[in-house]
PDB file of N, CA and C in Angstrom:
ATOM      1  N   UNK A   1      -4.274 -26.187 -17.270  1.00  0.00           N
ATOM      2  CA  UNK A   1      -3.800 -24.955 -16.690  1.00  0.00           C
ATOM      3  C   UNK A   1      -2.574 -25.278 -15.827  1.00  0.00           C
ATOM      4  N   UNK A   2      -1.655 -24.378 -15.815  1.00  0.00           N
ATOM      5  CA  UNK A   2      -0.433 -24.505 -15.035  1.00  0.00           C
ATOM      6  C   UNK A   2      -0.783 -24.614 -13.550  1.00  0.00           C
ATOM      7  N   UNK A   3      -0.086 -25.485 -12.835  1.00  0.00           N
ATOM      8  CA  UNK A   3      -0.347 -25.716 -11.409  1.00  0.00           C
ATOM      9  C   UNK A   3      -0.204 -24.429 -10.587  1.00  0.00           C
ATOM     10  N   UNK A   4       0.732 -23.582 -10.952  1.00  0.00           N
ATOM     11  CA  UNK A   4       0.914 -22.321 -10.234  1.00  0.00           C
ATOM     12  C   UNK A   4      -0.321 -21.438 -10.373  1.00  0.00           C
ATOM     13  N   UNK A   5      -0.882 -21.391 -11.567  1.00  0.00           N
ATOM     14  CA  UNK A   5      -2.080 -20.586 -11.784  1.00  0.00           C
ATOM     15  C   UNK A   5      -3.281 -21.171 -11.049  1.00  0.00           C
ATOM     16  N   UNK A   6      -3.366 -22.506 -11.036  1.00  0.00           N
ATOM     17  CA  UNK A   6      -4.453 -23.150 -10.297  1.00  0.00           C
ATOM     18  C   UNK A   6      -4.363 -22.810  -8.809  1.00  0.00           C
ATOM     19  N   UNK A   7      -3.162 -22.887  -8.266  1.00  0.00           N
ATOM     20  CA  UNK A   7      -2.968 -22.549  -6.855  1.00  0.00           C
ATOM     21  C   UNK A   7      -3.303 -21.082  -6.594  1.00  0.00           C
ATOM     22  N   UNK A   8      -2.822 -20.207  -7.467  1.00  0.00           N
ATOM     23  CA  UNK A   8      -3.075 -18.776  -7.298  1.00  0.00           C
ATOM     24  C   UNK A   8      -4.572 -18.496  -7.362  1.00  0.00           C
ATOM     25  N   UNK A   9      -5.254 -19.124  -8.300  1.00  0.00           N
ATOM     26  CA  UNK A   9      -6.697 -18.936  -8.439  1.00  0.00           C
ATOM     27  C   UNK A   9      -7.426 -19.406  -7.181  1.00  0.00           C
ATOM     28  N   UNK A  10      -7.031 -20.542  -6.652  1.00  0.00           N
ATOM     29  CA  UNK A  10      -7.638 -21.080  -5.444  1.00  0.00           C
ATOM     30  C   UNK A  10      -7.461 -20.109  -4.273  1.00  0.00           C
ATOM     31  N   UNK A  11      -6.248 -19.620  -4.079  1.00  0.00           N
ATOM     32  CA  UNK A  11      -5.981 -18.734  -2.946  1.00  0.00           C
ATOM     33  C   UNK A  11      -6.629 -17.365  -3.130  1.00  0.00           C
ATOM     34  N   UNK A  12      -6.719 -16.885  -4.349  1.00  0.00           N
ATOM     35  CA  UNK A  12      -7.424 -15.619  -4.586  1.00  0.00           C
ATOM     36  C   UNK A  12      -8.904 -15.762  -4.279  1.00  0.00           C
ATOM     37  N   UNK A  13      -9.477 -16.896  -4.653  1.00  0.00           N
ATOM     38  CA  UNK A  13     -10.892 -17.141  -4.347  1.00  0.00           C
ATOM     39  C   UNK A  13     -11.096 -17.174  -2.841  1.00  0.00           C
ATOM     40  N   UNK A  14     -10.220 -17.879  -2.133  1.00  0.00           N
ATOM     41  CA  UNK A  14     -10.327 -17.949  -0.667  1.00  0.00           C
ATOM     42  C   UNK A  14     -10.160 -16.566  -0.040  1.00  0.00           C
ATOM     43  N   UNK A  15      -9.223 -15.800  -0.535  1.00  0.00           N
ATOM     44  CA  UNK A  15      -8.994 -14.455  -0.004  1.00  0.00           C
ATOM     45  C   UNK A  15     -10.242 -13.593  -0.208  1.00  0.00           C
ATOM     46  N   UNK A  16     -10.858 -13.703  -1.375  1.00  0.00           N
ATOM     47  CA  UNK A  16     -12.096 -12.952  -1.647  1.00  0.00           C
ATOM     48  C   UNK A  16     -13.214 -13.356  -0.704  1.00  0.00           C
ATOM     49  N   UNK A  17     -13.359 -14.647  -0.463  1.00  0.00           N
ATOM     50  CA  UNK A  17     -14.395 -15.125   0.453  1.00  0.00           C
ATOM     51  C   UNK A  17     -14.156 -14.612   1.868  1.00  0.00           C
ATOM     52  N   UNK A  18     -12.912 -14.640   2.306  1.00  0.00           N
ATOM     53  CA  UNK A  18     -12.596 -14.165   3.652  1.00  0.00           C
ATOM     54  C   UNK A  18     -12.783 -12.654   3.766  1.00  0.00           C
ATOM     55  N   UNK A  19     -12.442 -11.939   2.714  1.00  0.00           N
ATOM     56  CA  UNK A  19     -12.648 -10.487   2.725  1.00  0.00           C
ATOM     57  C   UNK A  19     -14.133 -10.167   2.820  1.00  0.00           C
ATOM     58  N   UNK A  20     -14.943 -10.906   2.083  1.00  0.00           N
ATOM     59  CA  UNK A  20     -16.397 -10.703   2.118  1.00  0.00           C
ATOM     60  C   UNK A  20     -16.942 -10.972   3.523  1.00  0.00           C
ATOM     61  N   UNK A  21     -16.518 -12.058   4.145  1.00  0.00           N
ATOM     62  CA  UNK A  21     -16.959 -12.372   5.504  1.00  0.00           C
ATOM     63  C   UNK A  21     -16.501 -11.314   6.494  1.00  0.00           C
ATOM     64  N   UNK A  22     -15.274 -10.849   6.332  1.00  0.00           N
ATOM     65  CA  UNK A  22     -14.744  -9.822   7.225  1.00  0.00           C
ATOM     66  C   UNK A  22     -15.512  -8.514   7.105  1.00  0.00           C
ATOM     67  N   UNK A  23     -15.826  -8.118   5.879  1.00  0.00           N
ATOM     68  CA  UNK A  23     -16.603  -6.895   5.677  1.00  0.00           C
ATOM     69  C   UNK A  23     -17.989  -7.012   6.285  1.00  0.00           C
ATOM     70  N   UNK A  24     -18.614  -8.152   6.078  1.00  0.00           N
ATOM     71  CA  UNK A  24     -19.949  -8.363   6.635  1.00  0.00           C
ATOM     72  C   UNK A  24     -19.918  -8.235   8.160  1.00  0.00           C
ATOM     73  N   UNK A  25     -18.903  -8.839   8.768  1.00  0.00           N
ATOM     74  CA  UNK A  25     -18.766  -8.789  10.224  1.00  0.00           C
ATOM     75  C   UNK A  25     -18.513  -7.359  10.709  1.00  0.00           C
ATOM     76  N   UNK A  26     -17.695  -6.612   9.987  1.00  0.00           N
ATOM     77  CA  UNK A  26     -17.383  -5.236  10.374  1.00  0.00           C
ATOM     78  C   UNK A  26     -18.583  -4.308  10.210  1.00  0.00           C
ATOM     79  N   UNK A  27     -19.424  -4.563   9.220  1.00  0.00           N
ATOM     80  CA  UNK A  27     -20.541  -3.664   8.927  1.00  0.00           C
ATOM     81  C   UNK A  27     -21.797  -3.950   9.738  1.00  0.00           C
ATOM     82  N   UNK A  28     -21.850  -5.083  10.426  1.00  0.00           N
ATOM     83  CA  UNK A  28     -23.039  -5.408  11.218  1.00  0.00           C
ATOM     84  C   UNK A  28     -23.400  -4.316  12.217  1.00  0.00           C
ATOM     85  N   UNK A  29     -22.456  -3.792  13.002  1.00  0.00           N
ATOM     86  CA  UNK A  29     -22.823  -2.725  13.947  1.00  0.00           C
ATOM     87  C   UNK A  29     -23.319  -1.460  13.246  1.00  0.00           C
ATOM     88  N   UNK A  30     -22.764  -1.168  12.088  1.00  0.00           N
ATOM     89  CA  UNK A  30     -23.185   0.020  11.340  1.00  0.00           C
ATOM     90  C   UNK A  30     -24.633  -0.133  10.892  1.00  0.00           C
ATOM     91  N   UNK A  31     -24.977  -1.335  10.400  1.00  0.00           N
ATOM     92  CA  UNK A  31     -26.341  -1.574   9.966  1.00  0.00           C
ATOM     93  C   UNK A  31     -27.316  -1.479  11.141  1.00  0.00           C
ATOM     94  N   UNK A  32     -26.929  -1.990  12.338  1.00  0.00           N
ATOM     95  CA  UNK A  32     -27.769  -1.860  13.516  1.00  0.00           C
ATOM     96  C   UNK A  32     -27.971  -0.417  13.882  1.00  0.00           C
ATOM     97  N   UNK A  33     -26.903   0.381  13.834  1.00  0.00           N
ATOM     98  CA  UNK A  33     -27.011   1.801  14.169  1.00  0.00           C
ATOM     99  C   UNK A  33     -27.911   2.529  13.173  1.00  0.00           C
ATOM    100  N   UNK A  34     -27.843   2.112  11.920  1.00  0.00           N
ATOM    101  CA  UNK A  34     -28.689   2.730  10.894  1.00  0.00           C
ATOM    102  C   UNK A  34     -30.161   2.500  11.217  1.00  0.00           C
ATOM    103  N   UNK A  35     -30.502   1.285  11.619  1.00  0.00           N
ATOM    104  CA  UNK A  35     -31.883   0.975  11.974  1.00  0.00           C
ATOM    105  C   UNK A  35     -32.344   1.761  13.186  1.00  0.00           C
ATOM    106  N   UNK A  36     -31.483   1.871  14.191  1.00  0.00           N
ATOM    107  CA  UNK A  36     -31.828   2.633  15.392  1.00  0.00           C
ATOM    108  C   UNK A  36     -32.000   4.116  15.065  1.00  0.00           C
ATOM    109  N   UNK A  37     -31.163   4.622  14.180  1.00  0.00           N
ATOM    110  CA  UNK A  37     -31.254   6.030  13.787  1.00  0.00           C
ATOM    111  C   UNK A  37     -32.563   6.300  13.068  1.00  0.00           C
ATOM    112  N   UNK A  38     -32.929   5.418  12.156  1.00  0.00           N
ATOM    113  CA  UNK A  38     -34.191   5.597  11.427  1.00  0.00           C
ATOM    114  C   UNK A  38     -35.382   5.559  12.374  1.00  0.00           C
ATOM    115  N   UNK A  39     -35.334   4.676  13.359  1.00  0.00           N
ATOM    116  CA  UNK A  39     -36.424   4.598  14.336  1.00  0.00           C
ATOM    117  C   UNK A  39     -36.495   5.866  15.175  1.00  0.00           C
ATOM    118  N   UNK A  40     -35.342   6.389  15.577  1.00  0.00           N
ATOM    119  CA  UNK A  40     -35.314   7.618  16.373  1.00  0.00           C
ATOM    120  C   UNK A  40     -35.842   8.801  15.565  1.00  0.00           C
ATOM    121  N   UNK A  41     -35.484   8.878  14.303  1.00  0.00           N
ATOM    122  CA  UNK A  41     -35.969   9.966  13.445  1.00  0.00           C
ATOM    123  C   UNK A  41     -37.478   9.870  13.269  1.00  0.00           C
ATOM    124  N   UNK A  42     -37.983   8.666  13.054  1.00  0.00           N
ATOM    125  CA  UNK A  42     -39.425   8.484  12.899  1.00  0.00           C
ATOM    126  C   UNK A  42     -40.162   8.901  14.172  1.00  0.00           C
ATOM    127  N   UNK A  43     -39.624   8.528  15.332  1.00  0.00           N
ATOM    128  CA  UNK A  43     -40.225   8.905  16.607  1.00  0.00           C
ATOM    129  C   UNK A  43     -40.226  10.424  16.778  1.00  0.00           C
ATOM    130  N   UNK A  44     -39.112  11.063  16.439  1.00  0.00           N
ATOM    131  CA  UNK A  44     -39.025  12.517  16.561  1.00  0.00           C
ATOM    132  C   UNK A  44     -40.023  13.201  15.633  1.00  0.00           C
ATOM    133  N   UNK A  45     -40.165  12.698  14.431  1.00  0.00           N
ATOM    134  CA  UNK A  45     -41.137  13.285  13.490  1.00  0.00           C
ATOM    135  C   UNK A  45     -42.563  13.169  14.016  1.00  0.00           C
ATOM    136  N   UNK A  46     -42.878  12.019  14.621  1.00  0.00           N
ATOM    137  CA  UNK A  46     -44.218  11.837  15.187  1.00  0.00           C
ATOM    138  C   UNK A  46     -44.469  12.822  16.325  1.00  0.00           C
ATOM    139  N   UNK A  47     -43.458  13.001  17.186  1.00  0.00           N
ATOM    140  CA  UNK A  47     -43.621  13.942  18.300  1.00  0.00           C
ATOM    141  C   UNK A  47     -43.757  15.381  17.814  1.00  0.00           C
ATOM    142  N   UNK A  48     -43.004  15.732  16.789  1.00  0.00           N
ATOM    143  CA  UNK A  48     -43.108  17.084  16.231  1.00  0.00           C
ATOM    144  C   UNK A  48     -44.490  17.303  15.629  1.00  0.00           C
ATOM    145  N   UNK A  49     -44.979  16.305  14.904  1.00  0.00           N
ATOM    146  CA  UNK A  49     -46.313  16.419  14.297  1.00  0.00           C
ATOM    147  C   UNK A  49     -47.377  16.552  15.377  1.00  0.00           C
ATOM    148  N   UNK A  50     -47.261  15.794  16.459  1.00  0.00           N
ATOM    149  CA  UNK A  50     -48.229  15.878  17.556  1.00  0.00           C
ATOM    150  C   UNK A  50     -48.158  17.251  18.217  1.00  0.00           C
ATOM    151  N   UNK A  51     -46.967  17.767  18.426  1.00  0.00           N
ATOM    152  CA  UNK A  51     -46.788  19.086  19.029  1.00  0.00           C
ATOM    153  C   UNK A  51     -47.419  20.162  18.146  1.00  0.00           C
ATOM    154  N   UNK A  52     -47.169  20.085  16.857  1.00  0.00           N
ATOM    155  CA  UNK A  52     -47.731  21.076  15.937  1.00  0.00           C
ATOM    156  C   UNK A  52     -49.254  21.003  15.918  1.00  0.00           C
ATOM    157  N   UNK A  53     -49.797  19.806  15.968  1.00  0.00           N
ATOM    158  CA  UNK A  53     -51.251  19.648  15.982  1.00  0.00           C
ATOM    159  C   UNK A  53     -51.851  20.271  17.237  1.00  0.00           C
ATOM    160  N   UNK A  54     -51.206  20.043  18.370  1.00  0.00           N
ATOM    161  CA  UNK A  54     -51.673  20.645  19.628  1.00  0.00           C
ATOM    162  C   UNK A  54     -51.630  22.164  19.553  1.00  0.00           C
ATOM    163  N   UNK A  55     -50.538  22.694  19.013  1.00  0.00           N
ATOM    164  CA  UNK A  55     -50.392  24.153  18.910  1.00  0.00           C
ATOM    165  C   UNK A  55     -51.447  24.729  17.973  1.00  0.00           C
ATOM    166  N   UNK A  56     -51.738  24.058  16.872  1.00  0.00           N
ATOM    167  CA  UNK A  56     -52.760  24.529  15.932  1.00  0.00           C
ATOM    168  C   UNK A  56     -54.138  24.504  16.583  1.00  0.00           C
ATOM    169  N   UNK A  57     -54.406  23.441  17.361  1.00  0.00           N
ATOM    170  CA  UNK A  57     -55.701  23.338  18.047  1.00  0.00           C
ATOM    171  C   UNK A  57     -55.845  24.461  19.078  1.00  0.00           C
ATOM    172  N   UNK A  58     -54.767  24.753  19.809  1.00  0.00           N
ATOM    173  CA  UNK A  58     -54.813  25.839  20.800  1.00  0.00           C
ATOM    174  C   UNK A  58     -55.039  27.188  20.121  1.00  0.00           C
ATOM    175  N   UNK A  59     -54.372  27.390  18.998  1.00  0.00           N
ATOM    176  CA  UNK A  59     -54.509  28.652  18.259  1.00  0.00           C
ATOM    177  C   UNK A  59     -55.929  28.794  17.714  1.00  0.00           C
ATOM    178  N   UNK A  60     -56.511  27.708  17.228  1.00  0.00           N
ATOM    179  CA  UNK A  60     -57.859  27.746  16.675  1.00  0.00           C
ATOM    180  C   UNK A  60     -58.873  28.021  17.773  1.00  0.00           C
ATOM    181  N   UNK A  61     -58.662  27.471  18.967  1.00  0.00           N
ATOM    182  CA  UNK A  61     -59.587  27.679  20.090  1.00  0.00           C
ATOM    183  C   UNK A  61     -59.535  29.121  20.603  1.00  0.00           C
ATOM    184  N   UNK A  62     -58.358  29.684  20.635  1.00  0.00           N
ATOM    185  CA  UNK A  62     -58.202  31.031  21.191  1.00  0.00           C
ATOM    186  C   UNK A  62     -58.482  32.120  20.163  1.00  0.00           C
ATOM    187  N   UNK A  63     -58.448  31.782  18.922  1.00  0.00           N
ATOM    188  CA  UNK A  63     -58.561  32.822  17.919  1.00  0.00           C
ATOM    189  C   UNK A  63     -59.781  32.754  17.158  1.00  0.00           C
TER     190      UNK A  63
END
């Protein structure tokens, strides 16, 4: 293979590796926020379910 192509291939591979590392580093905070959001949604759903259960129990007792 021509030396120019070998050099180009080497640098393209390095550029791809660096781009991959850069993307991973940039997306880390997004992934953390995603986990926190899912936990907050799960907590809210549990509280809503508990509230609804209490309201149903109160309605059943009074009615």
